[in-house]
Amino acid sequence: MDIRVEPEAGRTGPDREIEVRATRRETAAERVTVLTLRPLDGELLPRWEPGAHIDVLLPDGTARQYSLCGSPGDREVYRVGILREESGRGGSKHLHDKVEAGDVLRIRGPRNNFALDRSPRYQFIAGGIGITPLLPMIAAADRAGARWHLAYGGRSRSSMAFLNELSAYGDRVSVLPQDETGLLDLSALLGSARPDTLVYCCGPEPLLDAVERNCASWPAGSLRVERFAPKEFAEPVRAESFTVHLAQSGLTLTVPPERSVLSVVEEAGIDVLYSCSEGTCGTCETPVLEGEPDHRDSLLTEQERAANECMMLCVSRSLGPRLVLDL
């Protein structure tokens, strides 16, 4: 059963910007707009795997991450679903209110921190706009002949995007609006660990927390989640300053308690790509050569944290007095 699509060493890497035109804009649900993006240069877009996202670069120089929800086999267009966040940082409002069909945008990517791994069975769980990265996963699992089920929750049917597309899968999709059925019954979905099943979940933080609790007894690595917002952490383990030695540049820098590694490295003139500054997108992931990071991202798995092979410079710190980074 073949699910993973190997990334192409194509014309752009995940860090290069691409100009695209919004060729279509459509409403998928209340407060959800879907943009179809086509490259201006007429070339094929970079390959991507289910679970990948792109950065959409905004006029103020910031970037927002949106999951690709089209077909990985169609390299002429990308499709993204955007929820209008009234209390957000303004990116989704700009894309809802200012971008029309025909407008030109700049994007970066794709990048994938939520890849679909091979499995004979999947339990997909989506909350609200969290359905977007799961759409191409479901299509890939279905084509591969895997057994799968989707539990899709939201406030109401009118707020839940892509219901028409999902209806083609019949009873393998359970549409469970909160105003009709209450909260998702996670104990029924996840109460018994199934060694042959991978669980993929995306949605708001309360849903992710509840899914993580219900999967605590499952085999390690069974659960994969993607967060749109950072987890809450206690204060850093180390209250004092620490040093970071940049192996490639030969610099040794001091990171005070009130500053991030990213800001200190950037101030020293080292070019590091970053985007969310919250530890959710993975753009600033950097290899760690020595030392033990205090991982404060919302992205790495427990196994990846324990390996201490990389860290997110925007939020993570150090457990000891010194780190050596591959920069």
Protein backbone atom coordinates (compact mmCIF):
# COMPACT_ATOMS: atom_id res chain seq x y z
CA MET A 1 0.00 0.00 0.00
CA ASP A 2 1.69 3.18 -1.18
CA ILE A 3 0.68 6.43 0.51
CA ARG A 4 3.72 8.64 0.95
CA VAL A 5 4.74 10.72 -2.06
CA GLU A 6 8.43 11.48 -2.06
CA PRO A 7 9.15 15.21 -2.23
CA GLU A 8 10.70 16.47 -5.42
CA ALA A 9 13.99 18.37 -5.51
CA GLY A 10 12.18 20.71 -7.88
CA ARG A 11 12.51 24.27 -9.00
CA THR A 12 11.87 25.67 -5.53
CA GLY A 13 12.71 24.58 -2.03
CA PRO A 14 10.37 25.13 0.90
CA ASP A 15 12.11 28.45 1.68
CA ARG A 16 11.75 30.09 -1.71
CA GLU A 17 8.93 32.54 -2.41
CA ILE A 18 6.55 32.04 -5.34
CA GLU A 19 4.13 34.52 -6.87
CA VAL A 20 0.65 33.11 -7.42
CA ARG A 21 -2.68 34.46 -8.60
CA ALA A 22 -5.93 33.77 -6.79
CA THR A 23 -7.89 32.36 -9.72
CA ARG A 24 -10.96 31.39 -7.72
CA ARG A 25 -12.55 32.35 -4.44
CA GLU A 26 -15.48 30.44 -2.98
CA THR A 27 -17.31 30.15 0.31
CA ALA A 28 -17.06 26.68 1.89
CA ALA A 29 -18.96 27.42 5.12
CA GLU A 30 -19.73 30.29 7.47
CA ARG A 31 -16.49 32.30 7.85
CA VAL A 32 -14.55 29.85 5.64
CA THR A 33 -13.19 31.00 2.28
CA VAL A 34 -11.36 28.71 -0.15
CA LEU A 35 -8.73 30.24 -2.43
CA THR A 36 -7.39 28.49 -5.52
CA LEU A 37 -3.85 29.67 -6.35
CA ARG A 38 -2.06 29.34 -9.68
CA PRO A 39 1.63 30.27 -10.30
CA LEU A 40 2.22 33.43 -12.33
CA ASP A 41 5.17 31.96 -14.25
CA GLY A 42 3.08 29.11 -15.65
CA GLU A 43 5.43 26.42 -14.32
CA LEU A 44 4.35 23.48 -12.22
CA LEU A 45 4.11 24.09 -8.51
CA PRO A 46 6.37 22.14 -6.13
CA ARG A 47 5.19 18.67 -5.17
CA TRP A 48 3.56 18.19 -1.79
CA GLU A 49 2.30 15.41 0.44
CA PRO A 50 -0.97 15.23 2.39
CA GLY A 51 -0.61 17.27 5.58
CA ALA A 52 1.57 19.98 4.01
CA HIS A 53 1.02 23.70 4.45
CA ILE A 54 2.19 26.87 2.75
CA ASP A 55 3.04 30.29 4.12
CA VAL A 56 0.97 33.11 2.69
CA LEU A 57 3.02 36.31 2.91
CA LEU A 58 1.02 39.39 3.86
CA PRO A 59 1.65 43.03 2.89
CA ASP A 60 2.96 43.89 6.38
CA GLY A 61 5.76 41.33 5.99
CA THR A 62 4.25 38.69 8.25
CA ALA A 63 3.21 35.20 7.18
CA ARG A 64 0.32 32.89 7.97
CA GLN A 65 0.27 29.12 7.53
CA TYR A 66 -2.58 27.40 5.71
CA SER A 67 -2.94 23.68 5.02
CA LEU A 68 -3.17 22.54 1.42
CA CYS A 69 -6.54 20.88 0.92
CA GLY A 70 -6.56 20.13 -2.81
CA SER A 71 -5.08 17.21 -4.72
CA PRO A 72 -1.32 16.56 -4.47
CA GLY A 73 -1.49 15.22 -8.02
CA ASP A 74 -2.60 18.60 -9.40
CA ARG A 75 0.56 20.69 -9.62
CA GLU A 76 -1.10 23.51 -11.55
CA VAL A 77 -2.97 24.88 -8.52
CA TYR A 78 -2.90 24.95 -4.73
CA ARG A 79 -6.09 25.16 -2.69
CA VAL A 80 -6.32 26.52 0.86
CA GLY A 81 -9.25 26.95 3.23
CA ILE A 82 -9.14 30.04 5.46
CA LEU A 83 -11.23 30.57 8.58
CA ARG A 84 -11.92 34.20 9.40
CA GLU A 85 -10.59 34.69 12.93
CA GLU A 86 -12.24 37.71 14.51
CA SER A 87 -9.84 37.67 17.48
CA GLY A 88 -6.75 36.67 15.47
CA ARG A 89 -3.75 38.72 14.40
CA GLY A 90 -5.40 40.10 11.26
CA GLY A 91 -4.08 37.74 8.59
CA SER A 92 -7.31 35.85 7.97
CA LYS A 93 -9.32 39.09 7.97
CA HIS A 94 -7.03 40.50 5.28
CA LEU A 95 -7.42 37.40 3.11
CA HIS A 96 -11.20 37.42 3.57
CA ASP A 97 -11.74 41.15 3.10
CA LYS A 98 -9.01 42.26 0.69
CA VAL A 99 -8.18 39.36 -1.64
CA GLU A 100 -10.35 38.75 -4.68
CA ALA A 101 -10.08 36.45 -7.69
CA GLY A 102 -7.32 37.85 -9.91
CA ASP A 103 -5.19 39.25 -7.08
CA VAL A 104 -1.52 38.29 -6.80
CA LEU A 105 -0.09 36.82 -3.60
CA ARG A 106 3.32 35.62 -2.52
CA ILE A 107 3.62 32.22 -0.90
CA ARG A 108 6.42 30.08 0.52
CA GLY A 109 6.57 26.33 0.79
CA PRO A 110 5.20 23.76 0.91
CA ARG A 111 6.43 22.38 4.22
CA ASN A 112 5.13 19.27 5.99
CA ASN A 113 5.15 18.67 9.74
CA PHE A 114 2.05 16.44 9.66
CA ALA A 115 2.89 13.76 7.11
CA LEU A 116 0.64 10.78 6.47
CA ASP A 117 2.47 7.55 7.32
CA ARG A 118 1.55 4.12 6.02
CA SER A 119 -0.98 2.16 8.05
CA PRO A 120 -3.67 -0.47 7.40
CA ARG A 121 -6.21 1.61 9.37
CA TYR A 122 -6.73 5.27 10.26
CA GLN A 123 -8.95 7.17 12.66
CA PHE A 124 -9.21 10.78 11.49
CA ILE A 125 -10.62 13.38 13.88
CA ALA A 126 -11.31 16.95 12.78
CA GLY A 127 -12.64 19.96 14.62
CA GLY A 128 -13.82 22.92 12.54
CA ILE A 129 -11.20 24.23 10.09
CA GLY A 130 -8.98 21.33 11.20
CA ILE A 131 -10.61 19.36 8.40
CA THR A 132 -8.35 21.06 5.82
CA PRO A 133 -5.14 18.99 6.21
CA LEU A 134 -7.19 15.81 6.61
CA LEU A 135 -8.98 16.08 3.24
CA PRO A 136 -5.99 14.97 1.11
CA MET A 137 -5.06 12.37 3.75
CA ILE A 138 -8.49 10.80 3.51
CA ALA A 139 -8.28 10.73 -0.29
CA ALA A 140 -4.82 9.10 -0.14
CA ALA A 141 -5.90 6.50 2.43
CA ASP A 142 -8.98 5.70 0.37
CA ARG A 143 -6.99 5.27 -2.85
CA ALA A 144 -4.55 3.01 -1.05
CA GLY A 145 -7.32 0.71 0.14
CA ALA A 146 -6.75 1.40 3.83
CA ARG A 147 -9.60 1.14 6.31
CA TRP A 148 -10.46 4.52 7.76
CA HIS A 149 -13.07 6.57 9.53
CA LEU A 150 -13.49 10.33 10.00
CA ALA A 151 -15.20 11.92 12.99
CA TYR A 152 -15.83 15.55 12.07
CA GLY A 153 -17.09 17.97 14.70
CA GLY A 154 -18.03 21.63 14.58
CA ARG A 155 -20.39 24.15 16.12
CA SER A 156 -23.10 23.55 13.49
CA ARG A 157 -23.42 22.13 9.98
CA SER A 158 -23.38 25.62 8.52
CA SER A 159 -19.94 26.24 10.02
CA MET A 160 -18.42 22.96 8.79
CA ALA A 161 -16.57 23.19 5.48
CA PHE A 162 -16.37 20.62 2.65
CA LEU A 163 -19.41 18.59 3.70
CA ASN A 164 -20.41 18.08 0.06
CA GLU A 165 -17.00 16.61 -0.80
CA LEU A 166 -17.04 14.35 2.24
CA SER A 167 -20.52 13.04 1.49
CA ALA A 168 -19.05 10.97 -1.34
CA TYR A 169 -17.44 8.68 1.26
CA GLY A 170 -20.75 7.60 2.78
CA ASP A 171 -20.80 6.18 6.29
CA ARG A 172 -17.03 6.27 6.65
CA VAL A 173 -17.57 9.94 7.55
CA SER A 174 -19.46 10.85 10.72
CA VAL A 175 -20.57 14.50 10.66
CA LEU A 176 -21.21 15.45 14.29
CA PRO A 177 -22.24 19.10 14.80
CA GLN A 178 -22.18 20.12 18.44
CA ASP A 179 -25.64 21.69 18.30
CA GLU A 180 -27.06 18.33 17.17
CA THR A 181 -24.96 15.66 18.87
CA GLY A 182 -22.94 17.43 21.56
CA LEU A 183 -19.17 17.13 21.89
CA LEU A 184 -17.35 14.33 20.09
CA ASP A 185 -17.55 11.07 22.05
CA LEU A 186 -13.80 10.48 22.20
CA SER A 187 -14.05 7.66 24.73
CA ALA A 188 -16.09 5.68 22.21
CA LEU A 189 -13.71 6.52 19.37
CA LEU A 190 -10.47 5.99 21.26
CA GLY A 191 -11.34 4.04 24.40
CA SER A 192 -9.70 0.83 23.18
CA ALA A 193 -6.17 1.02 21.81
CA ARG A 194 -5.80 -0.50 18.35
CA PRO A 195 -2.19 -1.39 17.46
CA ASP A 196 -2.98 -1.41 13.72
CA THR A 197 -4.39 2.15 13.70
CA LEU A 198 -2.89 5.61 13.36
CA VAL A 199 -4.90 8.53 14.74
CA TYR A 200 -4.66 11.87 12.93
CA CYS A 201 -6.27 14.88 14.57
CA CYS A 202 -6.42 18.59 13.79
CA GLY A 203 -8.61 21.25 15.37
CA PRO A 204 -8.88 23.61 18.34
CA GLU A 205 -6.71 23.13 21.41
CA PRO A 206 -9.43 21.68 23.71
CA LEU A 207 -10.07 18.92 21.16
CA LEU A 208 -6.37 18.15 20.76
CA ASP A 209 -5.87 18.01 24.54
CA ALA A 210 -8.82 15.65 24.92
CA VAL A 211 -7.61 13.39 22.11
CA GLU A 212 -4.13 13.25 23.63
CA ARG A 213 -5.60 12.21 26.98
CA ASN A 214 -7.74 9.51 25.38
CA CYS A 215 -4.77 8.15 23.43
CA ALA A 216 -2.47 8.00 26.46
CA SER A 217 -2.78 4.21 26.60
CA TRP A 218 -2.22 3.69 22.88
CA PRO A 219 1.15 2.48 21.54
CA ALA A 220 3.77 5.20 21.25
CA GLY A 221 3.55 7.00 17.92
CA SER A 222 -0.10 6.12 17.29
CA LEU A 223 -1.31 9.72 17.55
CA ARG A 224 -0.37 12.55 15.18
CA VAL A 225 -1.74 16.05 15.78
CA GLU A 226 -1.36 19.44 14.15
CA ARG A 227 -1.93 22.64 16.08
CA PHE A 228 -2.98 26.00 14.70
CA ALA A 229 -2.17 27.72 18.00
CA PRO A 230 0.66 27.18 20.51
CA LYS A 231 0.32 25.05 23.62
CA GLU A 232 0.59 26.72 27.01
CA PHE A 233 3.82 26.04 28.90
CA ALA A 234 5.06 26.76 32.39
CA GLU A 235 8.05 29.04 32.90
CA PRO A 236 11.33 27.91 31.26
CA VAL A 237 13.31 25.37 33.25
CA ARG A 238 16.42 27.56 33.20
CA ALA A 239 15.85 31.10 34.51
CA GLU A 240 19.42 32.24 33.83
CA SER A 241 21.13 33.28 30.63
CA PHE A 242 22.80 30.64 28.47
CA THR A 243 25.12 30.67 25.48
CA VAL A 244 24.61 29.35 21.97
CA HIS A 245 27.64 28.58 19.83
CA LEU A 246 26.97 28.71 16.10
CA ALA A 247 29.16 26.01 14.61
CA GLN A 248 29.09 27.26 11.00
CA SER A 249 29.55 30.95 11.84
CA GLY A 250 31.99 30.54 14.73
CA LEU A 251 29.98 32.93 16.93
CA THR A 252 29.18 32.44 20.59
CA LEU A 253 26.17 34.43 21.72
CA THR A 254 24.47 35.00 25.07
CA VAL A 255 20.72 34.53 25.29
CA PRO A 256 19.27 36.46 28.26
CA PRO A 257 16.10 35.27 30.03
CA GLU A 258 13.86 37.85 28.38
CA ARG A 259 14.90 37.16 24.77
CA SER A 260 14.50 34.27 22.33
CA VAL A 261 17.34 32.39 20.68
CA LEU A 262 15.93 33.52 17.35
CA SER A 263 16.09 37.23 18.18
CA VAL A 264 19.66 36.97 19.47
CA VAL A 265 20.84 34.99 16.44
CA GLU A 266 19.09 37.38 14.07
CA GLU A 267 20.59 40.41 15.79
CA ALA A 268 24.04 38.90 15.24
CA GLY A 269 23.42 39.02 11.50
CA ILE A 270 22.72 35.32 10.96
CA ASP A 271 19.95 34.79 8.43
CA VAL A 272 17.38 32.37 9.85
CA LEU A 273 14.06 31.80 8.16
CA TYR A 274 11.08 31.97 10.50
CA SER A 275 7.36 32.52 10.22
CA CYS A 276 4.89 31.98 13.08
CA SER A 277 7.22 32.89 16.02
CA GLU A 278 4.98 30.65 18.15
CA GLY A 279 6.53 27.21 17.71
CA THR A 280 3.76 25.81 15.54
CA CYS A 281 4.98 25.98 11.93
CA GLY A 282 8.48 24.44 12.03
CA THR A 283 10.08 27.06 9.76
CA CYS A 284 12.88 27.94 12.20
CA GLU A 285 13.75 24.30 13.04
CA THR A 286 17.52 24.10 13.54
CA PRO A 287 19.83 21.12 14.15
CA VAL A 288 21.32 20.85 17.65
CA LEU A 289 24.91 19.55 17.74
CA GLU A 290 25.53 19.72 21.50
CA GLY A 291 23.51 20.49 24.60
CA GLU A 292 19.96 19.79 25.70
CA PRO A 293 17.18 22.12 24.58
CA ASP A 294 14.21 23.10 26.71
CA HIS A 295 11.64 22.27 24.03
CA ARG A 296 8.74 24.73 24.14
CA ASP A 297 7.27 24.20 20.70
CA SER A 298 3.88 22.72 19.84
CA LEU A 299 5.19 20.59 17.01
CA LEU A 300 7.78 17.93 17.93
CA THR A 301 6.70 14.51 19.18
CA GLU A 302 7.89 13.20 22.53
CA GLN A 303 10.32 10.92 20.70
CA GLU A 304 11.72 13.85 18.71
CA ARG A 305 12.09 15.93 21.86
CA ALA A 306 13.95 13.12 23.59
CA ALA A 307 16.35 12.78 20.65
CA ASN A 308 17.39 16.46 21.03
CA GLU A 309 18.49 16.59 17.41
CA CYS A 310 16.72 19.86 16.61
CA MET A 311 14.87 22.78 18.19
CA MET A 312 12.59 25.67 17.24
CA LEU A 313 14.57 28.85 17.76
CA CYS A 314 11.53 31.08 18.17
CA VAL A 315 10.34 29.56 21.47
CA SER A 316 12.68 26.85 22.78
CA ARG A 317 15.54 27.50 25.17
CA SER A 318 18.26 25.51 26.93
CA LEU A 319 18.25 23.23 29.96
CA GLY A 320 21.97 23.76 30.48
CA PRO A 321 24.47 26.62 30.19
CA ARG A 322 25.38 25.99 26.54
CA LEU A 323 23.98 24.83 23.21
CA VAL A 324 25.81 24.26 19.93
CA LEU A 325 23.68 24.86 16.85
CA ASP A 326 24.33 24.06 13.22
CA LEU A 327 24.20 27.69 12.06
